[in-house]
Amino acid sequence: MSIAVSARPVSHLLKAPFRISRGVKTAADVVEVIASVDGHVGRGESVPYGRYDETVESVLAQLAPALAAADVEAACAALPPGAARNALDLALWDLRAKRTGVSVATATGLPIPGDLVTAVTVSLDEPEKMAEAAGAVADAPLIKIKLSAEDPAARLRAVAAAAPNSRFIVDPNEGWTFDILNGLKGLLADLPIALVEQPLPADADHELEGWDPPFTVCADESVHVGGDLAALRGRYQAVNLKLDKTGGLTEAVAMLKAARALGFQVMTGCMVASSLGVAPALHLGGASDFADLDGPWWLAVDHPGGLRVKRGRITPPKRGFWGDGEEGEGLWL
């Protein structure tokens, strides 16, 4: 069996700027991989991430030898974790489902729920702008608040007042010091906080060792694959699984099991991406304590038939979109 594989860059414009402590983006620049054999076509998407020194160009270059390999599946497994392996791994999962008729849900034992709560993100901005954004999604059960080191208390209070019935994931994206985090301990304890996600830089999270906060602290940039988990005990109580960090669904499924065995709560997250990049993560989201899979919600135009996010809940993609063993004619025009 000879699998033909290609990769291409795709840029999806966003409906509004997406700001975090590291910067702002106005488009989701992704890499799409297409794998085909015997008339069956599988697709995968990944998001190169500058935090890990990835660019669209570097990911395409990393993929080139694997795409030309005689054994594409072995070449995929040999790639390091990251965006390149993710796009190829997801395309191969989708192709396998279409060739065999065995869905990814059946193969992994991780069905996509018909109704999944996802966090919706309030991007970093001035407090009044963040309050306005939070008010627009105040009916969402779970809101993620992007913060920096600049007056996080004012921004927290503004969002909390605008969305009084929601719970919150607080995400500084490594932007705080331990002193900032500890100084906010009382305020965070008083708010309906689901998680505080990666408050410190990954190389400073030893400062969390033995700290006992009245809320759950979740690792994101500090954890990529299952082998990272053991070192996080005593620092974090939860971990964020992202396909672009694990390098695809294959590692992510194993990591989900390993995290549970070590007693971690699990959140499944995503980058700002299209439904093609996020649909595979729905399998993990249904088995997680929290899902943060609103990436396509930020796009001005998503793929036809993709997932929908409304009022903080995800409607799964149409049949044939990804991983269910159907070909999905008309969804990729």
C-alpha atoms as a PDB file:
ATOM      1  CA  MET A   1       0.000   0.000   0.000  1.00  0.00           C
ATOM      2  CA  SER A   2       1.500   3.317  -1.116  1.00  0.00           C
ATOM      3  CA  ILE A   3       0.036   6.359   0.597  1.00  0.00           C
ATOM      4  CA  ALA A   4       0.296   9.635  -1.291  1.00  0.00           C
ATOM      5  CA  VAL A   5       0.764  12.572   1.044  1.00  0.00           C
ATOM      6  CA  SER A   6       0.965  16.316   0.513  1.00  0.00           C
ATOM      7  CA  ALA A   7       1.090  19.369   2.762  1.00  0.00           C
ATOM      8  CA  ARG A   8       0.155  22.989   2.234  1.00  0.00           C
ATOM      9  CA  PRO A   9      -0.088  26.231   4.215  1.00  0.00           C
ATOM     10  CA  VAL A  10      -3.552  27.673   4.877  1.00  0.00           C
ATOM     11  CA  SER A  11      -4.443  30.976   6.531  1.00  0.00           C
ATOM     12  CA  HIS A  12      -7.822  31.490   8.220  1.00  0.00           C
ATOM     13  CA  LEU A  13      -8.720  35.097   9.030  1.00  0.00           C
ATOM     14  CA  LEU A  14     -10.082  35.722  12.514  1.00  0.00           C
ATOM     15  CA  LYS A  15     -13.273  37.630  13.244  1.00  0.00           C
ATOM     16  CA  ALA A  16     -11.455  39.667  15.909  1.00  0.00           C
ATOM     17  CA  PRO A  17      -7.853  40.007  17.135  1.00  0.00           C
ATOM     18  CA  PHE A  18      -6.810  37.278  19.587  1.00  0.00           C
ATOM     19  CA  ARG A  19      -4.525  38.675  22.295  1.00  0.00           C
ATOM     20  CA  ILE A  20      -2.572  36.846  24.963  1.00  0.00           C
ATOM     21  CA  SER A  21       0.375  37.889  27.130  1.00  0.00           C
ATOM     22  CA  ARG A  22       2.836  36.935  24.347  1.00  0.00           C
ATOM     23  CA  GLY A  23       1.221  38.914  21.535  1.00  0.00           C
ATOM     24  CA  VAL A  24      -1.729  39.224  19.156  1.00  0.00           C
ATOM     25  CA  LYS A  25      -2.822  37.355  16.039  1.00  0.00           C
ATOM     26  CA  THR A  26      -5.357  38.227  13.355  1.00  0.00           C
ATOM     27  CA  ALA A  27      -5.221  34.938  11.426  1.00  0.00           C
ATOM     28  CA  ALA A  28      -4.785  31.250  12.162  1.00  0.00           C
ATOM     29  CA  ASP A  29      -1.853  30.160  10.013  1.00  0.00           C
ATOM     30  CA  VAL A  30      -1.966  26.374   9.802  1.00  0.00           C
ATOM     31  CA  VAL A  31      -0.494  23.440   7.916  1.00  0.00           C
ATOM     32  CA  GLU A  32      -2.923  21.029   6.275  1.00  0.00           C
ATOM     33  CA  VAL A  33      -1.864  17.496   5.334  1.00  0.00           C
ATOM     34  CA  ILE A  34      -3.779  15.345   2.849  1.00  0.00           C
ATOM     35  CA  ALA A  35      -3.151  11.578   2.710  1.00  0.00           C
ATOM     36  CA  SER A  36      -4.781   9.390   0.068  1.00  0.00           C
ATOM     37  CA  VAL A  37      -4.815   5.804  -1.142  1.00  0.00           C
ATOM     38  CA  ASP A  38      -7.229   3.796  -3.310  1.00  0.00           C
ATOM     39  CA  GLY A  39      -9.579   6.762  -3.656  1.00  0.00           C
ATOM     40  CA  HIS A  40      -9.818   7.386   0.081  1.00  0.00           C
ATOM     41  CA  VAL A  41      -8.670  10.752   1.451  1.00  0.00           C
ATOM     42  CA  GLY A  42      -7.666  11.670   5.002  1.00  0.00           C
ATOM     43  CA  ARG A  43      -6.972  15.182   6.291  1.00  0.00           C
ATOM     44  CA  GLY A  44      -5.188  16.701   9.240  1.00  0.00           C
ATOM     45  CA  GLU A  45      -4.324  20.199  10.407  1.00  0.00           C
ATOM     46  CA  SER A  46      -1.830  21.631  12.845  1.00  0.00           C
ATOM     47  CA  VAL A  47      -0.855  25.060  14.138  1.00  0.00           C
ATOM     48  CA  PRO A  48       2.861  25.911  14.146  1.00  0.00           C
ATOM     49  CA  TYR A  49       3.512  27.775  17.373  1.00  0.00           C
ATOM     50  CA  GLY A  50       6.217  30.396  17.823  1.00  0.00           C
ATOM     51  CA  ARG A  51       6.493  29.593  21.549  1.00  0.00           C
ATOM     52  CA  TYR A  52       8.166  26.358  20.448  1.00  0.00           C
ATOM     53  CA  ASP A  53      10.163  27.977  17.605  1.00  0.00           C
ATOM     54  CA  GLU A  54       7.778  26.636  14.976  1.00  0.00           C
ATOM     55  CA  THR A  55       6.718  28.461  11.824  1.00  0.00           C
ATOM     56  CA  VAL A  56       4.635  27.333   8.864  1.00  0.00           C
ATOM     57  CA  GLU A  57       7.847  27.139   6.836  1.00  0.00           C
ATOM     58  CA  SER A  58       9.718  25.091   9.445  1.00  0.00           C
ATOM     59  CA  VAL A  59       6.847  22.639   9.823  1.00  0.00           C
ATOM     60  CA  LEU A  60       6.554  22.143   6.060  1.00  0.00           C
ATOM     61  CA  ALA A  61      10.315  21.567   5.887  1.00  0.00           C
ATOM     62  CA  GLN A  62      10.132  19.077   8.757  1.00  0.00           C
ATOM     63  CA  LEU A  63       7.327  17.222   7.005  1.00  0.00           C
ATOM     64  CA  ALA A  64       9.007  17.002   3.596  1.00  0.00           C
ATOM     65  CA  PRO A  65      11.112  13.856   4.204  1.00  0.00           C
ATOM     66  CA  ALA A  66       8.210  12.067   5.902  1.00  0.00           C
ATOM     67  CA  LEU A  67       5.860  12.830   3.017  1.00  0.00           C
ATOM     68  CA  ALA A  68       8.325  11.291   0.564  1.00  0.00           C
ATOM     69  CA  ALA A  69       9.049   8.204   2.693  1.00  0.00           C
ATOM     70  CA  ALA A  70       8.175   4.730   1.439  1.00  0.00           C
ATOM     71  CA  ASP A  71       6.542   3.980   4.806  1.00  0.00           C
ATOM     72  CA  VAL A  72       4.674   7.146   5.734  1.00  0.00           C
ATOM     73  CA  GLU A  73       3.261   5.745   8.970  1.00  0.00           C
ATOM     74  CA  ALA A  74       6.722   4.790  10.241  1.00  0.00           C
ATOM     75  CA  ALA A  75       8.058   8.184   9.179  1.00  0.00           C
ATOM     76  CA  CYS A  76       5.246   9.866  11.103  1.00  0.00           C
ATOM     77  CA  ALA A  77       6.038   7.911  14.258  1.00  0.00           C
ATOM     78  CA  ALA A  78       9.695   8.929  13.953  1.00  0.00           C
ATOM     79  CA  LEU A  79       8.930  12.653  13.937  1.00  0.00           C
ATOM     80  CA  PRO A  80       9.340  14.518  17.239  1.00  0.00           C
ATOM     81  CA  PRO A  81       6.261  15.805  19.079  1.00  0.00           C
ATOM     82  CA  GLY A  82       4.939  19.018  17.621  1.00  0.00           C
ATOM     83  CA  ALA A  83       2.897  20.503  14.827  1.00  0.00           C
ATOM     84  CA  ALA A  84       4.503  18.548  11.966  1.00  0.00           C
ATOM     85  CA  ARG A  85       3.768  15.148  13.458  1.00  0.00           C
ATOM     86  CA  ASN A  86       0.302  16.264  14.540  1.00  0.00           C
ATOM     87  CA  ALA A  87      -0.918  17.187  11.046  1.00  0.00           C
ATOM     88  CA  LEU A  88       0.393  13.947   9.543  1.00  0.00           C
ATOM     89  CA  ASP A  89      -0.818  11.761  12.410  1.00  0.00           C
ATOM     90  CA  LEU A  90      -4.330  13.201  12.161  1.00  0.00           C
ATOM     91  CA  ALA A  91      -4.444  12.744   8.381  1.00  0.00           C
ATOM     92  CA  LEU A  92      -3.433   9.096   8.796  1.00  0.00           C
ATOM     93  CA  TRP A  93      -6.096   8.510  11.468  1.00  0.00           C
ATOM     94  CA  ASP A  94      -8.741   9.983   9.169  1.00  0.00           C
ATOM     95  CA  LEU A  95      -7.492   7.961   6.188  1.00  0.00           C
ATOM     96  CA  ARG A  96      -7.474   4.753   8.232  1.00  0.00           C
ATOM     97  CA  ALA A  97     -11.076   5.347   9.305  1.00  0.00           C
ATOM     98  CA  LYS A  98     -12.182   5.939   5.721  1.00  0.00           C
ATOM     99  CA  ARG A  99     -10.329   2.885   4.375  1.00  0.00           C
ATOM    100  CA  THR A 100     -11.581   0.472   7.021  1.00  0.00           C
ATOM    101  CA  GLY A 101     -14.950   1.969   7.923  1.00  0.00           C
ATOM    102  CA  VAL A 102     -13.892   1.800  11.593  1.00  0.00           C
ATOM    103  CA  SER A 103     -14.365   5.226  13.166  1.00  0.00           C
ATOM    104  CA  VAL A 104     -11.746   6.888  15.332  1.00  0.00           C
ATOM    105  CA  ALA A 105     -14.274   6.762  18.171  1.00  0.00           C
ATOM    106  CA  THR A 106     -14.443   2.972  17.893  1.00  0.00           C
ATOM    107  CA  ALA A 107     -10.694   2.545  17.433  1.00  0.00           C
ATOM    108  CA  THR A 108      -9.832   4.661  20.474  1.00  0.00           C
ATOM    109  CA  GLY A 109     -12.863   3.916  22.646  1.00  0.00           C
ATOM    110  CA  LEU A 110     -13.366   7.679  22.927  1.00  0.00           C
ATOM    111  CA  PRO A 111     -16.720   8.703  21.437  1.00  0.00           C
ATOM    112  CA  ILE A 112     -17.515  12.318  20.634  1.00  0.00           C
ATOM    113  CA  PRO A 113     -20.254  13.570  22.987  1.00  0.00           C
ATOM    114  CA  GLY A 114     -23.326  15.061  21.392  1.00  0.00           C
ATOM    115  CA  ASP A 115     -23.200  18.000  23.793  1.00  0.00           C
ATOM    116  CA  LEU A 116     -19.818  19.145  25.086  1.00  0.00           C
ATOM    117  CA  VAL A 117     -19.235  22.242  27.202  1.00  0.00           C
ATOM    118  CA  THR A 118     -16.206  24.205  26.046  1.00  0.00           C
ATOM    119  CA  ALA A 119     -14.547  27.238  27.480  1.00  0.00           C
ATOM    120  CA  VAL A 120     -14.976  30.351  25.342  1.00  0.00           C
ATOM    121  CA  THR A 121     -12.116  32.800  25.474  1.00  0.00           C
ATOM    122  CA  VAL A 122     -12.089  36.435  26.480  1.00  0.00           C
ATOM    123  CA  SER A 123      -8.975  37.843  24.860  1.00  0.00           C
ATOM    124  CA  LEU A 124      -6.553  40.115  26.717  1.00  0.00           C
ATOM    125  CA  ASP A 125      -7.584  43.769  26.490  1.00  0.00           C
ATOM    126  CA  GLU A 126      -8.409  46.741  28.667  1.00  0.00           C
ATOM    127  CA  PRO A 127     -10.735  45.820  31.570  1.00  0.00           C
ATOM    128  CA  GLU A 128     -13.790  47.514  30.062  1.00  0.00           C
ATOM    129  CA  LYS A 129     -13.246  45.787  26.710  1.00  0.00           C
ATOM    130  CA  MET A 130     -12.852  42.429  28.441  1.00  0.00           C
ATOM    131  CA  ALA A 131     -16.062  43.069  30.407  1.00  0.00           C
ATOM    132  CA  GLU A 132     -17.853  43.821  27.150  1.00  0.00           C
ATOM    133  CA  ALA A 133     -16.543  40.609  25.572  1.00  0.00           C
ATOM    134  CA  ALA A 134     -17.507  38.596  28.655  1.00  0.00           C
ATOM    135  CA  GLY A 135     -20.983  40.079  28.656  1.00  0.00           C
ATOM    136  CA  ALA A 136     -21.460  38.898  25.077  1.00  0.00           C
ATOM    137  CA  VAL A 137     -20.802  35.281  26.156  1.00  0.00           C
ATOM    138  CA  ALA A 138     -22.212  35.491  29.687  1.00  0.00           C
ATOM    139  CA  ASP A 139     -24.504  32.535  29.007  1.00  0.00           C
ATOM    140  CA  ALA A 140     -21.498  30.251  28.519  1.00  0.00           C
ATOM    141  CA  PRO A 141     -20.940  27.922  31.484  1.00  0.00           C
ATOM    142  CA  LEU A 142     -17.142  28.260  31.253  1.00  0.00           C
ATOM    143  CA  ILE A 143     -15.092  31.298  30.205  1.00  0.00           C
ATOM    144  CA  LYS A 144     -11.340  31.432  29.745  1.00  0.00           C
ATOM    145  CA  ILE A 145      -9.783  34.759  30.745  1.00  0.00           C
ATOM    146  CA  LYS A 146      -6.493  35.684  29.070  1.00  0.00           C
ATOM    147  CA  LEU A 147      -4.343  37.812  31.370  1.00  0.00           C
ATOM    148  CA  SER A 148      -0.884  39.332  31.643  1.00  0.00           C
ATOM    149  CA  ALA A 149       1.118  40.793  34.522  1.00  0.00           C
ATOM    150  CA  GLU A 150      -0.529  44.183  33.960  1.00  0.00           C
ATOM    151  CA  ASP A 151      -3.243  44.711  36.588  1.00  0.00           C
ATOM    152  CA  PRO A 152      -4.749  41.228  36.408  1.00  0.00           C
ATOM    153  CA  ALA A 153      -7.023  41.911  39.398  1.00  0.00           C
ATOM    154  CA  ALA A 154      -8.910  44.678  37.583  1.00  0.00           C
ATOM    155  CA  ARG A 155      -9.416  42.469  34.544  1.00  0.00           C
ATOM    156  CA  LEU A 156     -10.564  39.532  36.662  1.00  0.00           C
ATOM    157  CA  ARG A 157     -13.098  41.659  38.521  1.00  0.00           C
ATOM    158  CA  ALA A 158     -14.385  43.177  35.289  1.00  0.00           C
ATOM    159  CA  VAL A 159     -14.995  39.803  33.631  1.00  0.00           C
ATOM    160  CA  ALA A 160     -16.497  38.275  36.773  1.00  0.00           C
ATOM    161  CA  ALA A 161     -18.973  41.143  37.118  1.00  0.00           C
ATOM    162  CA  ALA A 162     -20.006  40.846  33.458  1.00  0.00           C
ATOM    163  CA  ALA A 163     -20.549  37.083  33.604  1.00  0.00           C
ATOM    164  CA  PRO A 164     -21.867  36.350  37.106  1.00  0.00           C
ATOM    165  CA  ASN A 165     -23.152  32.848  36.305  1.00  0.00           C
ATOM    166  CA  SER A 166     -20.030  31.469  34.625  1.00  0.00           C
ATOM    167  CA  ARG A 167     -16.999  29.613  35.941  1.00  0.00           C
ATOM    168  CA  PHE A 168     -13.562  30.754  34.842  1.00  0.00           C
ATOM    169  CA  ILE A 169     -10.270  29.407  33.577  1.00  0.00           C
ATOM    170  CA  VAL A 170      -7.581  31.999  34.252  1.00  0.00           C
ATOM    171  CA  ASP A 171      -4.738  31.836  31.720  1.00  0.00           C
ATOM    172  CA  PRO A 172      -1.727  34.178  31.969  1.00  0.00           C
ATOM    173  CA  ASN A 173       0.215  32.103  29.371  1.00  0.00           C
ATOM    174  CA  GLU A 174       3.360  32.007  31.577  1.00  0.00           C
ATOM    175  CA  GLY A 175       3.015  35.744  32.156  1.00  0.00           C
ATOM    176  CA  TRP A 176       3.090  35.923  35.961  1.00  0.00           C
ATOM    177  CA  THR A 177       5.700  35.660  38.655  1.00  0.00           C
ATOM    178  CA  PHE A 178       5.083  33.619  41.779  1.00  0.00           C
ATOM    179  CA  ASP A 179       4.641  36.858  43.740  1.00  0.00           C
ATOM    180  CA  ILE A 180       1.816  37.940  41.404  1.00  0.00           C
ATOM    181  CA  LEU A 181       0.153  34.549  41.665  1.00  0.00           C
ATOM    182  CA  ASN A 182       0.444  34.409  45.438  1.00  0.00           C
ATOM    183  CA  GLY A 183      -0.772  37.992  45.726  1.00  0.00           C
ATOM    184  CA  LEU A 184      -3.928  37.083  43.784  1.00  0.00           C
ATOM    185  CA  LYS A 185      -4.601  34.010  45.908  1.00  0.00           C
ATOM    186  CA  GLY A 186      -7.387  35.615  47.931  1.00  0.00           C
ATOM    187  CA  LEU A 187      -9.182  37.116  44.935  1.00  0.00           C
ATOM    188  CA  LEU A 188      -8.952  33.876  42.977  1.00  0.00           C
ATOM    189  CA  ALA A 189     -10.274  31.937  45.954  1.00  0.00           C
ATOM    190  CA  ASP A 190     -13.323  34.207  46.077  1.00  0.00           C
ATOM    191  CA  LEU A 191     -14.177  33.744  42.374  1.00  0.00           C
ATOM    192  CA  PRO A 192     -15.701  30.637  40.743  1.00  0.00           C
ATOM    193  CA  ILE A 193     -12.369  29.472  39.345  1.00  0.00           C
ATOM    194  CA  ALA A 194     -12.238  26.125  37.560  1.00  0.00           C
ATOM    195  CA  LEU A 195      -8.515  26.296  36.781  1.00  0.00           C
ATOM    196  CA  VAL A 196      -5.544  28.621  36.857  1.00  0.00           C
ATOM    197  CA  GLU A 197      -3.590  27.611  33.772  1.00  0.00           C
ATOM    198  CA  GLN A 198       0.210  27.880  33.481  1.00  0.00           C
ATOM    199  CA  PRO A 199       0.633  31.000  35.612  1.00  0.00           C
ATOM    200  CA  LEU A 200       4.454  30.859  35.653  1.00  0.00           C
ATOM    201  CA  PRO A 201       7.007  30.323  32.893  1.00  0.00           C
ATOM    202  CA  ALA A 202       7.693  26.640  32.307  1.00  0.00           C
ATOM    203  CA  ASP A 203      11.266  27.031  33.534  1.00  0.00           C
ATOM    204  CA  ALA A 204      10.047  28.616  36.782  1.00  0.00           C
ATOM    205  CA  ASP A 205       7.342  26.178  37.808  1.00  0.00           C
ATOM    206  CA  HIS A 206       9.594  24.645  40.460  1.00  0.00           C
ATOM    207  CA  GLU A 207       8.328  27.589  42.547  1.00  0.00           C
ATOM    208  CA  LEU A 208       4.968  25.816  42.716  1.00  0.00           C
ATOM    209  CA  GLU A 209       6.509  22.841  44.510  1.00  0.00           C
ATOM    210  CA  GLY A 210       4.602  22.256  47.733  1.00  0.00           C
ATOM    211  CA  TRP A 211       2.408  25.348  47.299  1.00  0.00           C
ATOM    212  CA  ASP A 212      -1.167  24.608  48.359  1.00  0.00           C
ATOM    213  CA  PRO A 213      -3.601  26.960  46.594  1.00  0.00           C
ATOM    214  CA  PRO A 214      -7.381  26.909  47.114  1.00  0.00           C
ATOM    215  CA  PHE A 215      -7.866  26.305  43.382  1.00  0.00           C
ATOM    216  CA  THR A 216      -6.564  23.898  40.771  1.00  0.00           C
ATOM    217  CA  VAL A 217      -3.395  24.826  38.881  1.00  0.00           C
ATOM    218  CA  CYS A 218      -3.107  23.366  35.377  1.00  0.00           C
ATOM    219  CA  ALA A 219       0.068  22.816  33.383  1.00  0.00           C
ATOM    220  CA  ASP A 220       0.080  23.806  29.716  1.00  0.00           C
ATOM    221  CA  GLU A 221       3.463  24.913  28.357  1.00  0.00           C
ATOM    222  CA  SER A 222       5.132  22.731  31.010  1.00  0.00           C
ATOM    223  CA  VAL A 223       3.671  19.497  29.607  1.00  0.00           C
ATOM    224  CA  HIS A 224       3.842  18.097  26.091  1.00  0.00           C
ATOM    225  CA  VAL A 225       3.878  14.295  26.177  1.00  0.00           C
ATOM    226  CA  GLY A 226       3.224  11.509  28.651  1.00  0.00           C
ATOM    227  CA  GLY A 227       6.860  11.370  29.698  1.00  0.00           C
ATOM    228  CA  ASP A 228       6.576  14.880  31.155  1.00  0.00           C
ATOM    229  CA  LEU A 229       3.823  14.040  33.615  1.00  0.00           C
ATOM    230  CA  ALA A 230       5.633  12.474  36.559  1.00  0.00           C
ATOM    231  CA  ALA A 231       7.820  15.543  37.128  1.00  0.00           C
ATOM    232  CA  LEU A 232       4.740  17.747  37.492  1.00  0.00           C
ATOM    233  CA  ARG A 233       3.367  16.045  40.589  1.00  0.00           C
ATOM    234  CA  GLY A 234       3.560  18.354  43.579  1.00  0.00           C
ATOM    235  CA  ARG A 235       3.392  21.389  41.294  1.00  0.00           C
ATOM    236  CA  TYR A 236       0.193  20.979  39.293  1.00  0.00           C
ATOM    237  CA  GLN A 237      -3.106  19.243  39.870  1.00  0.00           C
ATOM    238  CA  ALA A 238      -4.242  19.255  36.224  1.00  0.00           C
ATOM    239  CA  VAL A 239      -2.691  19.083  32.751  1.00  0.00           C
ATOM    240  CA  ASN A 240      -3.746  20.489  29.392  1.00  0.00           C
ATOM    241  CA  LEU A 241      -3.617  18.058  26.466  1.00  0.00           C
ATOM    242  CA  LYS A 242      -3.134  19.724  23.085  1.00  0.00           C
ATOM    243  CA  LEU A 243      -2.646  17.788  19.873  1.00  0.00           C
ATOM    244  CA  ASP A 244      -0.098  20.297  18.593  1.00  0.00           C
ATOM    245  CA  LYS A 245       2.059  19.623  21.658  1.00  0.00           C
ATOM    246  CA  THR A 246       1.671  15.850  21.815  1.00  0.00           C
ATOM    247  CA  GLY A 247       2.258  15.513  18.085  1.00  0.00           C
ATOM    248  CA  GLY A 248      -1.102  13.974  17.290  1.00  0.00           C
ATOM    249  CA  LEU A 249      -3.904  11.822  18.566  1.00  0.00           C
ATOM    250  CA  THR A 250      -1.760   8.699  18.938  1.00  0.00           C
ATOM    251  CA  GLU A 251       0.336  10.171  21.747  1.00  0.00           C
ATOM    252  CA  ALA A 252      -2.569  12.173  23.167  1.00  0.00           C
ATOM    253  CA  VAL A 253      -4.687   9.062  23.783  1.00  0.00           C
ATOM    254  CA  ALA A 254      -1.778   7.404  25.623  1.00  0.00           C
ATOM    255  CA  MET A 255      -1.119  10.597  27.559  1.00  0.00           C
ATOM    256  CA  LEU A 256      -4.757  10.852  28.641  1.00  0.00           C
ATOM    257  CA  LYS A 257      -4.524   7.406  30.201  1.00  0.00           C
ATOM    258  CA  ALA A 258      -1.168   8.165  31.831  1.00  0.00           C
ATOM    259  CA  ALA A 259      -2.455  11.439  33.306  1.00  0.00           C
ATOM    260  CA  ARG A 260      -5.455   9.687  34.833  1.00  0.00           C
ATOM    261  CA  ALA A 261      -3.227   6.973  36.288  1.00  0.00           C
ATOM    262  CA  LEU A 262      -1.132   9.656  38.005  1.00  0.00           C
ATOM    263  CA  GLY A 263      -4.194  11.350  39.466  1.00  0.00           C
ATOM    264  CA  PHE A 264      -4.235  14.513  37.359  1.00  0.00           C
ATOM    265  CA  GLN A 265      -7.364  16.274  36.267  1.00  0.00           C
ATOM    266  CA  VAL A 266      -7.350  16.721  32.500  1.00  0.00           C
ATOM    267  CA  MET A 267      -8.272  19.569  30.227  1.00  0.00           C
ATOM    268  CA  THR A 268      -8.233  19.156  26.454  1.00  0.00           C
ATOM    269  CA  GLY A 269      -7.231  22.370  24.742  1.00  0.00           C
ATOM    270  CA  CYS A 270      -6.445  23.659  21.292  1.00  0.00           C
ATOM    271  CA  MET A 271      -4.730  26.449  19.421  1.00  0.00           C
ATOM    272  CA  VAL A 272      -6.746  28.926  17.372  1.00  0.00           C
ATOM    273  CA  ALA A 273      -7.482  26.629  14.439  1.00  0.00           C
ATOM    274  CA  SER A 274     -10.202  25.496  12.074  1.00  0.00           C
ATOM    275  CA  SER A 275     -12.640  22.664  12.706  1.00  0.00           C
ATOM    276  CA  LEU A 276     -10.236  20.343  10.893  1.00  0.00           C
ATOM    277  CA  GLY A 277      -7.651  20.894  13.609  1.00  0.00           C
ATOM    278  CA  VAL A 278     -10.090  20.741  16.513  1.00  0.00           C
ATOM    279  CA  ALA A 279     -12.510  17.954  15.521  1.00  0.00           C
ATOM    280  CA  PRO A 280     -10.011  15.197  16.488  1.00  0.00           C
ATOM    281  CA  ALA A 281      -9.651  16.726  19.957  1.00  0.00           C
ATOM    282  CA  LEU A 282     -13.366  16.218  20.612  1.00  0.00           C
ATOM    283  CA  HIS A 283     -12.557  12.555  21.282  1.00  0.00           C
ATOM    284  CA  LEU A 284     -10.297  13.636  24.140  1.00  0.00           C
ATOM    285  CA  GLY A 285     -12.619  16.416  25.294  1.00  0.00           C
ATOM    286  CA  GLY A 286     -15.422  13.999  26.023  1.00  0.00           C
ATOM    287  CA  ALA A 287     -13.136  12.066  28.378  1.00  0.00           C
ATOM    288  CA  SER A 288     -11.691  15.151  30.100  1.00  0.00           C
ATOM    289  CA  ASP A 289     -12.735  17.188  33.104  1.00  0.00           C
ATOM    290  CA  PHE A 290     -12.650  20.365  31.024  1.00  0.00           C
ATOM    291  CA  ALA A 291     -12.588  21.221  27.334  1.00  0.00           C
ATOM    292  CA  ASP A 292     -11.161  24.397  25.832  1.00  0.00           C
ATOM    293  CA  LEU A 293     -11.944  23.814  22.164  1.00  0.00           C
ATOM    294  CA  ASP A 294     -13.325  27.113  20.915  1.00  0.00           C
ATOM    295  CA  GLY A 295     -10.591  27.606  18.278  1.00  0.00           C
ATOM    296  CA  PRO A 296     -12.962  27.586  15.265  1.00  0.00           C
ATOM    297  CA  TRP A 297     -15.251  30.066  17.028  1.00  0.00           C
ATOM    298  CA  TRP A 298     -12.592  32.731  16.396  1.00  0.00           C
ATOM    299  CA  LEU A 299     -12.536  32.213  12.621  1.00  0.00           C
ATOM    300  CA  ALA A 300     -14.319  34.581  10.243  1.00  0.00           C
ATOM    301  CA  VAL A 301     -15.053  31.589   7.974  1.00  0.00           C
ATOM    302  CA  ASP A 302     -14.628  27.930   8.958  1.00  0.00           C
ATOM    303  CA  HIS A 303     -14.869  24.759   6.847  1.00  0.00           C
ATOM    304  CA  PRO A 304     -18.377  23.774   5.710  1.00  0.00           C
ATOM    305  CA  GLY A 305     -19.760  21.065   7.953  1.00  0.00           C
ATOM    306  CA  GLY A 306     -17.373  21.799  10.791  1.00  0.00           C
ATOM    307  CA  LEU A 307     -18.144  21.953  14.485  1.00  0.00           C
ATOM    308  CA  ARG A 308     -20.152  24.831  15.929  1.00  0.00           C
ATOM    309  CA  VAL A 309     -19.701  26.626  19.234  1.00  0.00           C
ATOM    310  CA  LYS A 310     -22.791  28.328  20.615  1.00  0.00           C
ATOM    311  CA  ARG A 311     -23.428  29.430  24.178  1.00  0.00           C
ATOM    312  CA  GLY A 312     -20.323  27.586  25.299  1.00  0.00           C
ATOM    313  CA  ARG A 313     -21.381  24.231  23.875  1.00  0.00           C
ATOM    314  CA  ILE A 314     -20.020  22.316  20.900  1.00  0.00           C
ATOM    315  CA  THR A 315     -22.144  20.749  18.179  1.00  0.00           C
ATOM    316  CA  PRO A 316     -20.061  17.991  16.536  1.00  0.00           C
ATOM    317  CA  PRO A 317     -19.181  18.184  12.822  1.00  0.00           C
ATOM    318  CA  LYS A 318     -21.372  16.710  10.118  1.00  0.00           C
ATOM    319  CA  ARG A 319     -20.929  13.085   9.154  1.00  0.00           C
ATOM    320  CA  GLY A 320     -17.941  12.614   6.912  1.00  0.00           C
ATOM    321  CA  PHE A 321     -16.054  15.633   8.233  1.00  0.00           C
ATOM    322  CA  TRP A 322     -13.265  13.805  10.091  1.00  0.00           C
ATOM    323  CA  GLY A 323     -12.609  10.381  11.536  1.00  0.00           C
ATOM    324  CA  ASP A 324     -16.017   8.719  11.296  1.00  0.00           C
ATOM    325  CA  GLY A 325     -15.264   6.449   8.338  1.00  0.00           C
ATOM    326  CA  GLU A 326     -17.424   8.317   5.823  1.00  0.00           C
ATOM    327  CA  GLU A 327     -16.002  10.140   2.819  1.00  0.00           C
ATOM    328  CA  GLY A 328     -17.795  13.444   3.374  1.00  0.00           C
ATOM    329  CA  GLU A 329     -18.397  14.571  -0.208  1.00  0.00           C
ATOM    330  CA  GLY A 330     -19.182  18.264  -0.454  1.00  0.00           C
ATOM    331  CA  LEU A 331     -17.517  19.243   2.827  1.00  0.00           C
ATOM    332  CA  TRP A 332     -14.182  20.237   1.299  1.00  0.00           C
ATOM    333  CA  LEU A 333     -15.172  22.479  -1.629  1.00  0.00           C
END
